[in-house]
N, C-alpha and C. Protein backbone atom coordinates (compact mmCIF):
# COMPACT_ATOMS: atom_id res chain seq x y z
N UNK A 1 0.74 -1.28 0.00
CA UNK A 1 0.03 -0.04 0.04
C UNK A 1 0.54 1.40 -0.02
N UNK A 2 1.81 1.34 0.80
CA UNK A 2 2.80 2.41 0.88
C UNK A 2 3.50 2.70 -0.48
N UNK A 3 3.94 1.37 -1.20
CA UNK A 3 4.47 1.75 -2.41
C UNK A 3 3.72 2.10 -3.39
N UNK A 4 2.26 1.97 -3.50
CA UNK A 4 1.26 2.42 -4.45
C UNK A 4 1.34 4.02 -4.24
N UNK A 5 1.00 4.47 -2.87
CA UNK A 5 1.32 5.96 -2.39
C UNK A 5 2.41 6.51 -2.92
N UNK A 6 3.74 5.80 -3.01
CA UNK A 6 4.79 6.73 -3.35
C UNK A 6 4.92 6.78 -5.01
N UNK A 7 4.34 5.81 -5.59
CA UNK A 7 4.51 5.82 -7.12
C UNK A 7 3.33 6.86 -7.42
N UNK A 8 2.27 7.07 -6.80
CA UNK A 8 1.27 8.10 -7.10
C UNK A 8 1.90 9.72 -6.95
N UNK A 9 2.46 9.67 -5.91
CA UNK A 9 3.16 10.84 -5.65
C UNK A 9 4.40 11.32 -6.47
N UNK A 10 5.03 10.27 -6.84
CA UNK A 10 6.24 10.82 -7.79
C UNK A 10 5.88 11.04 -9.23
N UNK A 11 6.14 12.11 -9.68
CA UNK A 11 5.77 12.55 -11.14
C UNK A 11 6.31 11.51 -12.36
N UNK A 12 5.75 11.54 -13.29
CA UNK A 12 6.08 10.60 -14.42
C UNK A 12 7.78 11.41 -14.94
N UNK A 13 8.44 10.30 -15.26
CA UNK A 13 9.66 11.09 -15.86
C UNK A 13 9.48 11.72 -17.31
N UNK A 14 10.18 12.61 -17.56
CA UNK A 14 9.90 13.42 -18.86
C UNK A 14 10.25 12.42 -19.92
N UNK A 15 9.38 12.51 -21.09
CA UNK A 15 9.42 11.77 -22.15
C UNK A 15 11.14 11.95 -23.02
N UNK A 16 11.64 10.98 -23.53
CA UNK A 16 12.70 11.15 -24.40
C UNK A 16 12.53 12.11 -25.50
N UNK A 17 13.43 13.05 -25.63
CA UNK A 17 13.42 13.96 -26.83
C UNK A 17 13.33 13.20 -28.16
N UNK A 18 12.65 13.79 -29.24
CA UNK A 18 12.53 12.97 -30.41
C UNK A 18 13.87 13.19 -31.17
N UNK A 19 14.50 12.01 -31.80
CA UNK A 19 15.75 12.19 -32.34
C UNK A 19 15.72 13.13 -33.74
N UNK A 20 16.71 14.15 -33.76
CA UNK A 20 16.88 15.07 -34.76
C UNK A 20 17.34 14.35 -35.85
N UNK A 21 17.00 14.78 -36.96
CA UNK A 21 17.27 14.32 -38.27
C UNK A 21 18.85 14.65 -38.59
N UNK A 22 19.48 13.93 -39.18
CA UNK A 22 21.11 14.45 -39.42
C UNK A 22 20.80 15.67 -40.47
N UNK A 23 21.99 16.54 -40.26
CA UNK A 23 21.81 17.79 -41.37
C UNK A 23 22.34 17.48 -42.76
N UNK A 24 22.16 18.02 -43.67
CA UNK A 24 22.51 17.77 -44.87
C UNK A 24 24.09 18.23 -45.01
N UNK A 25 24.89 17.03 -45.44
CA UNK A 25 26.29 17.18 -45.72
C UNK A 25 26.82 18.13 -46.58
N UNK A 26 25.93 18.92 -47.26
CA UNK A 26 26.37 19.73 -48.29
C UNK A 26 26.35 21.20 -47.47
N UNK A 27 24.92 21.52 -47.17
CA UNK A 27 24.62 23.01 -46.56
C UNK A 27 24.46 22.90 -45.18
N UNK A 28 24.34 21.66 -44.42
CA UNK A 28 23.91 21.74 -42.89
C UNK A 28 22.68 22.15 -42.84
N UNK A 29 21.61 22.15 -43.65
CA UNK A 29 20.29 22.49 -43.31
C UNK A 29 19.53 21.04 -42.89
N UNK A 30 18.17 21.02 -42.78
CA UNK A 30 17.50 19.99 -42.58
C UNK A 30 17.37 18.96 -43.67
N UNK A 31 17.73 17.73 -43.67
CA UNK A 31 17.43 16.84 -44.84
C UNK A 31 16.07 16.61 -45.18
N UNK A 32 14.94 17.11 -44.66
CA UNK A 32 13.71 17.02 -45.20
C UNK A 32 13.39 18.09 -45.86
N UNK A 33 14.31 19.18 -45.86
CA UNK A 33 14.01 20.45 -46.70
C UNK A 33 13.39 21.49 -45.97
N UNK A 34 13.31 22.81 -46.47
CA UNK A 34 12.95 23.93 -45.64
C UNK A 34 11.59 23.82 -45.93
N UNK A 35 10.65 24.21 -44.95
CA UNK A 35 9.13 24.32 -45.19
C UNK A 35 8.49 24.88 -46.59
N UNK A 36 7.74 24.50 -46.92
CA UNK A 36 7.24 24.97 -48.07
C UNK A 36 7.85 24.55 -49.56
N UNK A 37 8.86 23.97 -49.42
CA UNK A 37 9.72 23.57 -50.43
C UNK A 37 8.99 22.70 -51.16
N UNK A 38 8.84 22.45 -52.69
CA UNK A 38 7.96 21.51 -53.44
C UNK A 38 8.75 20.27 -53.53
N UNK A 39 8.45 19.29 -52.87
CA UNK A 39 9.22 18.18 -53.07
C UNK A 39 8.97 17.02 -54.16
N UNK A 40 8.01 17.56 -55.04
CA UNK A 40 7.52 16.80 -56.17
C UNK A 40 8.83 17.01 -57.23
N UNK A 41 9.20 17.75 -57.19
CA UNK A 41 10.45 18.16 -58.45
C UNK A 41 11.89 17.58 -57.94
N UNK A 42 11.93 17.35 -56.65
CA UNK A 42 13.22 17.05 -56.09
C UNK A 42 13.75 15.55 -56.32
N UNK A 43 14.73 15.27 -56.62
CA UNK A 43 15.12 13.78 -56.76
C UNK A 43 15.04 13.12 -55.64
N UNK A 44 14.75 11.61 -55.51
CA UNK A 44 14.36 11.01 -54.02
C UNK A 44 15.20 11.07 -53.16
N UNK A 45 14.77 11.07 -52.02
CA UNK A 45 15.71 10.91 -50.81
C UNK A 45 16.85 10.00 -50.85
N UNK A 46 18.04 10.69 -50.47
CA UNK A 46 19.21 9.57 -50.30
C UNK A 46 19.58 9.63 -48.81
N UNK A 47 18.84 10.42 -47.99
CA UNK A 47 19.33 10.46 -46.30
C UNK A 47 20.49 11.19 -46.14
N UNK A 48 21.23 11.78 -47.01
CA UNK A 48 22.36 12.70 -46.88
C UNK A 48 22.52 14.13 -47.29
N UNK A 49 21.42 14.68 -48.09
CA UNK A 49 21.35 15.74 -48.80
C UNK A 49 19.82 16.21 -48.69
N UNK A 50 19.60 17.69 -48.43
CA UNK A 50 18.26 18.20 -48.42
C UNK A 50 17.80 18.07 -49.91
N UNK A 51 16.50 18.45 -50.01
CA UNK A 51 15.94 18.57 -51.77
C UNK A 51 16.85 19.60 -52.37
N UNK A 52 17.09 20.85 -51.86
CA UNK A 52 17.66 21.58 -52.80
C UNK A 52 19.12 21.23 -53.31
N UNK A 53 19.68 20.56 -52.41
CA UNK A 53 21.10 20.32 -52.61
C UNK A 53 20.99 18.93 -53.81
N UNK A 54 20.04 18.12 -53.19
CA UNK A 54 19.65 17.05 -54.26
C UNK A 54 19.53 17.20 -55.73
N UNK A 55 19.05 18.35 -55.94
CA UNK A 55 18.46 19.01 -57.29
C UNK A 55 19.67 19.73 -57.67
N UNK A 56 20.51 20.46 -57.02
CA UNK A 56 21.87 20.89 -57.50
C UNK A 56 22.65 20.01 -58.01
N UNK A 57 23.07 19.14 -57.05
CA UNK A 57 23.87 17.56 -57.44
C UNK A 57 23.51 17.25 -58.61
N UNK A 58 22.15 16.87 -58.92
CA UNK A 58 21.62 16.29 -60.13
C UNK A 58 21.92 17.07 -61.52
N UNK A 59 22.09 18.24 -61.31
CA UNK A 59 22.07 19.09 -62.37
C UNK A 59 23.58 19.47 -62.66
N UNK A 60 24.72 19.05 -61.69
CA UNK A 60 25.81 19.33 -62.06
C UNK A 60 26.34 18.54 -63.14
N UNK A 61 27.54 19.20 -64.08
CA UNK A 61 28.16 18.04 -65.00
C UNK A 61 28.68 17.16 -64.32
N UNK A 62 28.79 15.76 -65.02
CA UNK A 62 29.56 14.66 -64.46
C UNK A 62 30.89 15.02 -64.66
N UNK A 63 31.71 14.18 -63.41
CA UNK A 63 33.23 14.37 -63.59
C UNK A 63 33.68 13.26 -64.72
N UNK A 64 35.15 13.46 -65.09
CA UNK A 64 35.38 12.53 -66.10
C UNK A 64 35.24 11.08 -65.50
N UNK A 65 35.43 10.60 -64.49
CA UNK A 65 35.32 9.22 -63.80
C UNK A 65 33.78 8.96 -64.26
N UNK A 66 32.97 9.91 -63.77
CA UNK A 66 31.46 9.47 -64.02
C UNK A 66 30.99 9.35 -65.31
N UNK A 67 31.53 10.16 -66.24
CA UNK A 67 31.27 10.09 -67.74
C UNK A 67 31.76 8.89 -68.41
N UNK A 68 32.94 8.41 -67.82
CA UNK A 68 33.46 7.13 -68.39
C UNK A 68 32.78 6.01 -68.07
N UNK A 69 32.57 5.85 -66.69
CA UNK A 69 32.34 4.78 -65.76
C UNK A 69 30.85 4.76 -65.58
N UNK A 70 30.04 5.85 -65.44
CA UNK A 70 28.67 6.12 -65.10
C UNK A 70 28.63 6.57 -63.56
N UNK A 71 27.64 6.94 -63.47
CA UNK A 71 27.22 7.39 -62.09
C UNK A 71 26.71 6.27 -61.18
N UNK A 72 27.48 6.12 -60.17
CA UNK A 72 27.20 5.02 -59.25
C UNK A 72 26.82 5.40 -58.02
N UNK A 73 25.73 4.98 -57.40
CA UNK A 73 25.36 5.31 -55.97
C UNK A 73 26.27 4.71 -54.98
N UNK A 74 26.72 5.60 -54.14
CA UNK A 74 27.57 5.04 -52.73
C UNK A 74 26.63 3.93 -51.97
N UNK A 75 26.81 3.05 -51.85
CA UNK A 75 25.94 2.02 -50.91
C UNK A 75 26.95 1.31 -50.02
N UNK A 76 27.27 2.20 -49.02
CA UNK A 76 28.15 1.36 -47.81
C UNK A 76 27.36 1.57 -46.83
């Protein structure tokens, strides 16, 4: 009975904070993109870059290695 009263008097522990998404590797902004950004035209998420940086990277000219061997995704 005394244990029930003790538990009733103690406040609940604070909930764990939500994990923050990793920042964009290129611009350090949120990977999900700024509010209001139209995700329809952005390349698919890669977990490393925000929509604006993914669009910029997609529009860059390929390097000589990429032109010869093709663009490969880094899957490590």
